[in-house]
Amino acid sequence: ADIQLADNSSGIDAVNDLMGELGIRPVIFITAFPERLLTGNKPEPAFLISKPYTVDQVISAVSQAMFFSSTETLNS
């Protein structure tokens, strides 16, 4: 997800709406504005990639998100 979507709506709001419908899921934010997410207020995103980014950064974040999601499922 991005912080600011192409139609100028909030990616944070979109993610919150989806989680309200689908339940908690790992989300990777890819943004040019990381300071908008890293405010010190909880909750903060577990996965954040700053633009510009590399393919390796995305692969790593997706792998981590999938791993943590699978371990949470096993522990439920």
PDB file of N, CA and C in Angstrom:
ATOM      1  N   ALA A   1       0.849  -1.176   0.000  1.00  0.00           N
ATOM      2  CA  ALA A   1       0.000   0.000   0.000  1.00  0.00           C
ATOM      3  C   ALA A   1       0.890   1.233   0.000  1.00  0.00           C
ATOM      4  N   ASP A   2       0.391   2.289  -0.545  1.00  0.00           N
ATOM      5  CA  ASP A   2       1.090   3.563  -0.489  1.00  0.00           C
ATOM      6  C   ASP A   2       0.325   4.473   0.466  1.00  0.00           C
ATOM      7  N   ILE A   3       0.995   5.468   0.981  1.00  0.00           N
ATOM      8  CA  ILE A   3       0.367   6.416   1.903  1.00  0.00           C
ATOM      9  C   ILE A   3      -0.668   7.255   1.167  1.00  0.00           C
ATOM     10  N   GLN A   4      -0.264   7.758   0.005  1.00  0.00           N
ATOM     11  CA  GLN A   4      -1.149   8.604  -0.793  1.00  0.00           C
ATOM     12  C   GLN A   4      -1.405   7.887  -2.109  1.00  0.00           C
ATOM     13  N   LEU A   5      -2.658   7.590  -2.384  1.00  0.00           N
ATOM     14  CA  LEU A   5      -3.019   6.858  -3.591  1.00  0.00           C
ATOM     15  C   LEU A   5      -3.159   7.807  -4.779  1.00  0.00           C
ATOM     16  N   ALA A   6      -3.241   7.251  -5.968  1.00  0.00           N
ATOM     17  CA  ALA A   6      -3.276   8.048  -7.197  1.00  0.00           C
ATOM     18  C   ALA A   6      -4.428   9.047  -7.221  1.00  0.00           C
ATOM     19  N   ASP A   7      -5.542   8.694  -6.586  1.00  0.00           N
ATOM     20  CA  ASP A   7      -6.690   9.612  -6.558  1.00  0.00           C
ATOM     21  C   ASP A   7      -6.642  10.566  -5.366  1.00  0.00           C
ATOM     22  N   ASN A   8      -5.469  10.644  -4.722  1.00  0.00           N
ATOM     23  CA  ASN A   8      -5.213  11.492  -3.552  1.00  0.00           C
ATOM     24  C   ASN A   8      -5.920  11.028  -2.294  1.00  0.00           C
ATOM     25  N   SER A   9      -6.521   9.848  -2.312  1.00  0.00           N
ATOM     26  CA  SER A   9      -7.106   9.310  -1.086  1.00  0.00           C
ATOM     27  C   SER A   9      -5.996   8.685  -0.239  1.00  0.00           C
ATOM     28  N   SER A  10      -6.324   8.331   0.973  1.00  0.00           N
ATOM     29  CA  SER A  10      -5.348   7.823   1.929  1.00  0.00           C
ATOM     30  C   SER A  10      -5.197   6.310   1.820  1.00  0.00           C
ATOM     31  N   GLY A  11      -3.975   5.864   1.581  1.00  0.00           N
ATOM     32  CA  GLY A  11      -3.693   4.433   1.587  1.00  0.00           C
ATOM     33  C   GLY A  11      -3.851   3.836   2.967  1.00  0.00           C
ATOM     34  N   ILE A  12      -3.576   4.630   3.993  1.00  0.00           N
ATOM     35  CA  ILE A  12      -3.739   4.160   5.372  1.00  0.00           C
ATOM     36  C   ILE A  12      -5.207   3.865   5.639  1.00  0.00           C
ATOM     37  N   ASP A  13      -6.084   4.781   5.218  1.00  0.00           N
ATOM     38  CA  ASP A  13      -7.523   4.552   5.393  1.00  0.00           C
ATOM     39  C   ASP A  13      -7.983   3.330   4.605  1.00  0.00           C
ATOM     40  N   ALA A  14      -7.463   3.168   3.392  1.00  0.00           N
ATOM     41  CA  ALA A  14      -7.840   2.012   2.572  1.00  0.00           C
ATOM     42  C   ALA A  14      -7.433   0.710   3.248  1.00  0.00           C
ATOM     43  N   VAL A  15      -6.230   0.673   3.804  1.00  0.00           N
ATOM     44  CA  VAL A  15      -5.763  -0.529   4.509  1.00  0.00           C
ATOM     45  C   VAL A  15      -6.627  -0.788   5.736  1.00  0.00           C
ATOM     46  N   ASN A  16      -6.926   0.254   6.491  1.00  0.00           N
ATOM     47  CA  ASN A  16      -7.773   0.080   7.678  1.00  0.00           C
ATOM     48  C   ASN A  16      -9.156  -0.441   7.304  1.00  0.00           C
ATOM     49  N   ASP A  17      -9.723   0.064   6.215  1.00  0.00           N
ATOM     50  CA  ASP A  17     -11.028  -0.417   5.750  1.00  0.00           C
ATOM     51  C   ASP A  17     -10.960  -1.893   5.368  1.00  0.00           C
ATOM     52  N   LEU A  18      -9.918  -2.273   4.628  1.00  0.00           N
ATOM     53  CA  LEU A  18      -9.766  -3.676   4.226  1.00  0.00           C
ATOM     54  C   LEU A  18      -9.587  -4.591   5.426  1.00  0.00           C
ATOM     55  N   MET A  19      -8.799  -4.155   6.396  1.00  0.00           N
ATOM     56  CA  MET A  19      -8.601  -4.978   7.592  1.00  0.00           C
ATOM     57  C   MET A  19      -9.894  -5.108   8.386  1.00  0.00           C
ATOM     58  N   GLY A  20     -10.713  -4.068   8.361  1.00  0.00           N
ATOM     59  CA  GLY A  20     -12.005  -4.150   9.027  1.00  0.00           C
ATOM     60  C   GLY A  20     -12.897  -5.203   8.393  1.00  0.00           C
ATOM     61  N   GLU A  21     -12.780  -5.367   7.088  1.00  0.00           N
ATOM     62  CA  GLU A  21     -13.591  -6.353   6.372  1.00  0.00           C
ATOM     63  C   GLU A  21     -12.967  -7.745   6.375  1.00  0.00           C
ATOM     64  N   LEU A  22     -11.649  -7.819   6.237  1.00  0.00           N
ATOM     65  CA  LEU A  22     -10.972  -9.103   6.036  1.00  0.00           C
ATOM     66  C   LEU A  22     -10.207  -9.603   7.255  1.00  0.00           C
ATOM     67  N   GLY A  23     -10.096  -8.773   8.277  1.00  0.00           N
ATOM     68  CA  GLY A  23      -9.291  -9.138   9.436  1.00  0.00           C
ATOM     69  C   GLY A  23      -7.853  -8.679   9.253  1.00  0.00           C
ATOM     70  N   ILE A  24      -7.086  -8.859  10.295  1.00  0.00           N
ATOM     71  CA  ILE A  24      -5.696  -8.405  10.290  1.00  0.00           C
ATOM     72  C   ILE A  24      -4.893  -9.211   9.279  1.00  0.00           C
ATOM     73  N   ARG A  25      -4.165  -8.506   8.452  1.00  0.00           N
ATOM     74  CA  ARG A  25      -3.287  -9.097   7.452  1.00  0.00           C
ATOM     75  C   ARG A  25      -1.975  -8.331   7.470  1.00  0.00           C
ATOM     76  N   PRO A  26      -0.881  -8.980   7.092  1.00  0.00           N
ATOM     77  CA  PRO A  26       0.368  -8.219   6.982  1.00  0.00           C
ATOM     78  C   PRO A  26       0.269  -7.238   5.815  1.00  0.00           C
ATOM     79  N   VAL A  27       0.735  -6.034   6.037  1.00  0.00           N
ATOM     80  CA  VAL A  27       0.690  -4.992   5.014  1.00  0.00           C
ATOM     81  C   VAL A  27       2.092  -4.441   4.848  1.00  0.00           C
ATOM     82  N   ILE A  28       2.492  -4.287   3.612  1.00  0.00           N
ATOM     83  CA  ILE A  28       3.774  -3.662   3.303  1.00  0.00           C
ATOM     84  C   ILE A  28       3.466  -2.293   2.713  1.00  0.00           C
ATOM     85  N   PHE A  29       3.910  -1.254   3.396  1.00  0.00           N
ATOM     86  CA  PHE A  29       3.760   0.093   2.867  1.00  0.00           C
ATOM     87  C   PHE A  29       5.011   0.432   2.075  1.00  0.00           C
ATOM     88  N   ILE A  30       4.818   0.906   0.857  1.00  0.00           N
ATOM     89  CA  ILE A  30       5.900   1.404   0.015  1.00  0.00           C
ATOM     90  C   ILE A  30       5.564   2.858  -0.252  1.00  0.00           C
ATOM     91  N   THR A  31       6.409   3.761   0.241  1.00  0.00           N
ATOM     92  CA  THR A  31       6.037   5.173   0.205  1.00  0.00           C
ATOM     93  C   THR A  31       7.250   6.087   0.099  1.00  0.00           C
ATOM     94  N   ALA A  32       7.020   7.236  -0.469  1.00  0.00           N
ATOM     95  CA  ALA A  32       8.027   8.291  -0.488  1.00  0.00           C
ATOM     96  C   ALA A  32       7.930   9.151   0.766  1.00  0.00           C
ATOM     97  N   PHE A  33       6.949   8.859   1.619  1.00  0.00           N
ATOM     98  CA  PHE A  33       6.702   9.667   2.810  1.00  0.00           C
ATOM     99  C   PHE A  33       6.705   8.816   4.078  1.00  0.00           C
ATOM    100  N   PRO A  34       7.815   8.149   4.414  1.00  0.00           N
ATOM    101  CA  PRO A  34       7.818   7.272   5.597  1.00  0.00           C
ATOM    102  C   PRO A  34       7.543   8.020   6.893  1.00  0.00           C
ATOM    103  N   GLU A  35       7.872   9.297   6.937  1.00  0.00           N
ATOM    104  CA  GLU A  35       7.653  10.071   8.161  1.00  0.00           C
ATOM    105  C   GLU A  35       6.170  10.180   8.502  1.00  0.00           C
ATOM    106  N   ARG A  36       5.296  10.008   7.532  1.00  0.00           N
ATOM    107  CA  ARG A  36       3.854  10.045   7.805  1.00  0.00           C
ATOM    108  C   ARG A  36       3.381   8.795   8.541  1.00  0.00           C
ATOM    109  N   LEU A  37       4.145   7.719   8.419  1.00  0.00           N
ATOM    110  CA  LEU A  37       3.792   6.482   9.119  1.00  0.00           C
ATOM    111  C   LEU A  37       4.533   6.340  10.431  1.00  0.00           C
ATOM    112  N   LEU A  38       5.773   6.791  10.460  1.00  0.00           N
ATOM    113  CA  LEU A  38       6.617   6.598  11.639  1.00  0.00           C
ATOM    114  C   LEU A  38       6.495   7.796  12.562  1.00  0.00           C
ATOM    115  N   THR A  39       5.380   7.852  13.258  1.00  0.00           N
ATOM    116  CA  THR A  39       5.075   9.006  14.106  1.00  0.00           C
ATOM    117  C   THR A  39       5.371   8.764  15.577  1.00  0.00           C
ATOM    118  N   GLY A  40       5.652   7.516  15.936  1.00  0.00           N
ATOM    119  CA  GLY A  40       5.824   7.171  17.344  1.00  0.00           C
ATOM    120  C   GLY A  40       4.532   6.724  17.985  1.00  0.00           C
ATOM    121  N   ASN A  41       3.419   6.915  17.295  1.00  0.00           N
ATOM    122  CA  ASN A  41       2.125   6.444  17.793  1.00  0.00           C
ATOM    123  C   ASN A  41       1.939   4.991  17.394  1.00  0.00           C
ATOM    124  N   LYS A  42       1.269   4.259  18.216  1.00  0.00           N
ATOM    125  CA  LYS A  42       1.012   2.849  17.920  1.00  0.00           C
ATOM    126  C   LYS A  42      -0.356   2.707  17.291  1.00  0.00           C
ATOM    127  N   PRO A  43      -0.602   1.756  16.441  1.00  0.00           N
ATOM    128  CA  PRO A  43       0.390   0.839  15.897  1.00  0.00           C
ATOM    129  C   PRO A  43       1.126   1.468  14.720  1.00  0.00           C
ATOM    130  N   GLU A  44       2.358   1.063  14.541  1.00  0.00           N
ATOM    131  CA  GLU A  44       3.140   1.464  13.383  1.00  0.00           C
ATOM    132  C   GLU A  44       3.297   0.249  12.483  1.00  0.00           C
ATOM    133  N   PRO A  45       3.519   0.476  11.203  1.00  0.00           N
ATOM    134  CA  PRO A  45       3.608  -0.659  10.282  1.00  0.00           C
ATOM    135  C   PRO A  45       4.831  -1.521  10.555  1.00  0.00           C
ATOM    136  N   ALA A  46       4.653  -2.817  10.429  1.00  0.00           N
ATOM    137  CA  ALA A  46       5.772  -3.738  10.608  1.00  0.00           C
ATOM    138  C   ALA A  46       6.661  -3.755   9.374  1.00  0.00           C
ATOM    139  N   PHE A  47       6.095  -3.437   8.221  1.00  0.00           N
ATOM    140  CA  PHE A  47       6.837  -3.508   6.968  1.00  0.00           C
ATOM    141  C   PHE A  47       6.712  -2.182   6.237  1.00  0.00           C
ATOM    142  N   LEU A  48       7.851  -1.534   6.049  1.00  0.00           N
ATOM    143  CA  LEU A  48       7.877  -0.221   5.421  1.00  0.00           C
ATOM    144  C   LEU A  48       9.079  -0.146   4.496  1.00  0.00           C
ATOM    145  N   ILE A  49       8.836   0.222   3.255  1.00  0.00           N
ATOM    146  CA  ILE A  49       9.896   0.400   2.270  1.00  0.00           C
ATOM    147  C   ILE A  49       9.794   1.828   1.762  1.00  0.00           C
ATOM    148  N   SER A  50      10.927   2.536   1.782  1.00  0.00           N
ATOM    149  CA  SER A  50      10.952   3.911   1.283  1.00  0.00           C
ATOM    150  C   SER A  50      11.264   3.920  -0.208  1.00  0.00           C
ATOM    151  N   LYS A  51      10.585   4.810  -0.919  1.00  0.00           N
ATOM    152  CA  LYS A  51      10.890   5.017  -2.334  1.00  0.00           C
ATOM    153  C   LYS A  51      12.097   5.930  -2.443  1.00  0.00           C
ATOM    154  N   PRO A  52      12.951   5.754  -3.387  1.00  0.00           N
ATOM    155  CA  PRO A  52      12.998   4.664  -4.358  1.00  0.00           C
ATOM    156  C   PRO A  52      13.428   3.371  -3.672  1.00  0.00           C
ATOM    157  N   TYR A  53      13.033   2.262  -4.234  1.00  0.00           N
ATOM    158  CA  TYR A  53      13.312   0.964  -3.630  1.00  0.00           C
ATOM    159  C   TYR A  53      13.864   0.011  -4.678  1.00  0.00           C
ATOM    160  N   THR A  54      14.404  -1.101  -4.186  1.00  0.00           N
ATOM    161  CA  THR A  54      14.935  -2.124  -5.080  1.00  0.00           C
ATOM    162  C   THR A  54      14.025  -3.346  -5.047  1.00  0.00           C
ATOM    163  N   VAL A  55      14.146  -4.164  -6.054  1.00  0.00           N
ATOM    164  CA  VAL A  55      13.391  -5.413  -6.101  1.00  0.00           C
ATOM    165  C   VAL A  55      13.755  -6.277  -4.900  1.00  0.00           C
ATOM    166  N   ASP A  56      15.021  -6.288  -4.520  1.00  0.00           N
ATOM    167  CA  ASP A  56      15.449  -7.094  -3.371  1.00  0.00           C
ATOM    168  C   ASP A  56      14.767  -6.655  -2.081  1.00  0.00           C
ATOM    169  N   GLN A  57      14.552  -5.360  -1.905  1.00  0.00           N
ATOM    170  CA  GLN A  57      13.850  -4.879  -0.712  1.00  0.00           C
ATOM    171  C   GLN A  57      12.415  -5.395  -0.681  1.00  0.00           C
ATOM    172  N   VAL A  58      11.761  -5.390  -1.823  1.00  0.00           N
ATOM    173  CA  VAL A  58      10.377  -5.866  -1.895  1.00  0.00           C
ATOM    174  C   VAL A  58      10.324  -7.367  -1.640  1.00  0.00           C
ATOM    175  N   ILE A  59      11.213  -8.115  -2.262  1.00  0.00           N
ATOM    176  CA  ILE A  59      11.250  -9.566  -2.055  1.00  0.00           C
ATOM    177  C   ILE A  59      11.476  -9.887  -0.588  1.00  0.00           C
ATOM    178  N   SER A  60      12.398  -9.184   0.044  1.00  0.00           N
ATOM    179  CA  SER A  60      12.687  -9.411   1.460  1.00  0.00           C
ATOM    180  C   SER A  60      11.473  -9.105   2.332  1.00  0.00           C
ATOM    181  N   ALA A  61      10.816  -7.979   2.078  1.00  0.00           N
ATOM    182  CA  ALA A  61       9.646  -7.605   2.882  1.00  0.00           C
ATOM    183  C   ALA A  61       8.502  -8.593   2.691  1.00  0.00           C
ATOM    184  N   VAL A  62       8.267  -9.032   1.465  1.00  0.00           N
ATOM    185  CA  VAL A  62       7.203 -10.007   1.207  1.00  0.00           C
ATOM    186  C   VAL A  62       7.523 -11.326   1.902  1.00  0.00           C
ATOM    187  N   SER A  63       8.771 -11.762   1.824  1.00  0.00           N
ATOM    188  CA  SER A  63       9.172 -13.005   2.499  1.00  0.00           C
ATOM    189  C   SER A  63       8.954 -12.908   4.002  1.00  0.00           C
ATOM    190  N   GLN A  64       9.346 -11.785   4.593  1.00  0.00           N
ATOM    191  CA  GLN A  64       9.163 -11.598   6.033  1.00  0.00           C
ATOM    192  C   GLN A  64       7.683 -11.556   6.395  1.00  0.00           C
ATOM    193  N   ALA A  65       6.893 -10.840   5.615  1.00  0.00           N
ATOM    194  CA  ALA A  65       5.457 -10.747   5.899  1.00  0.00           C
ATOM    195  C   ALA A  65       4.805 -12.123   5.826  1.00  0.00           C
ATOM    196  N   MET A  66       5.177 -12.907   4.822  1.00  0.00           N
ATOM    197  CA  MET A  66       4.611 -14.251   4.686  1.00  0.00           C
ATOM    198  C   MET A  66       5.046 -15.140   5.845  1.00  0.00           C
ATOM    199  N   PHE A  67       6.302 -15.034   6.258  1.00  0.00           N
ATOM    200  CA  PHE A  67       6.794 -15.839   7.370  1.00  0.00           C
ATOM    201  C   PHE A  67       6.047 -15.492   8.652  1.00  0.00           C
ATOM    202  N   PHE A  68       5.969 -14.201   8.973  1.00  0.00           N
ATOM    203  CA  PHE A  68       5.302 -13.811  10.213  1.00  0.00           C
ATOM    204  C   PHE A  68       3.818 -14.135  10.179  1.00  0.00           C
ATOM    205  N   SER A  69       3.202 -14.010   9.019  1.00  0.00           N
ATOM    206  CA  SER A  69       1.792 -14.361   8.889  1.00  0.00           C
ATOM    207  C   SER A  69       1.581 -15.851   9.120  1.00  0.00           C
ATOM    208  N   SER A  70       2.473 -16.678   8.599  1.00  0.00           N
ATOM    209  CA  SER A  70       2.324 -18.130   8.770  1.00  0.00           C
ATOM    210  C   SER A  70       2.577 -18.544  10.209  1.00  0.00           C
ATOM    211  N   THR A  71       3.509 -17.901  10.900  1.00  0.00           N
ATOM    212  CA  THR A  71       3.759 -18.269  12.297  1.00  0.00           C
ATOM    213  C   THR A  71       2.617 -17.811  13.185  1.00  0.00           C
ATOM    214  N   GLU A  72       1.990 -16.677  12.865  1.00  0.00           N
ATOM    215  CA  GLU A  72       0.829 -16.229  13.638  1.00  0.00           C
ATOM    216  C   GLU A  72      -0.331 -17.189  13.450  1.00  0.00           C
ATOM    217  N   THR A  73      -0.508 -17.693  12.237  1.00  0.00           N
ATOM    218  CA  THR A  73      -1.575 -18.658  11.959  1.00  0.00           C
ATOM    219  C   THR A  73      -1.340 -19.941  12.742  1.00  0.00           C
ATOM    220  N   LEU A  74      -0.107 -20.405  12.783  1.00  0.00           N
ATOM    221  CA  LEU A  74       0.216 -21.628  13.518  1.00  0.00           C
ATOM    222  C   LEU A  74       0.000 -21.463  15.013  1.00  0.00           C
ATOM    223  N   ASN A  75       0.242 -20.262  15.528  1.00  0.00           N
ATOM    224  CA  ASN A  75       0.109 -20.014  16.964  1.00  0.00           C
ATOM    225  C   ASN A  75      -1.332 -19.737  17.376  1.00  0.00           C
ATOM    226  N   SER A  76      -2.232 -19.593  16.421  1.00  0.00           N
ATOM    227  CA  SER A  76      -3.640 -19.299  16.742  1.00  0.00           C
ATOM    228  C   SER A  76      -4.379 -20.539  17.158  1.00  0.00           C
TER     229      SER A  76
END
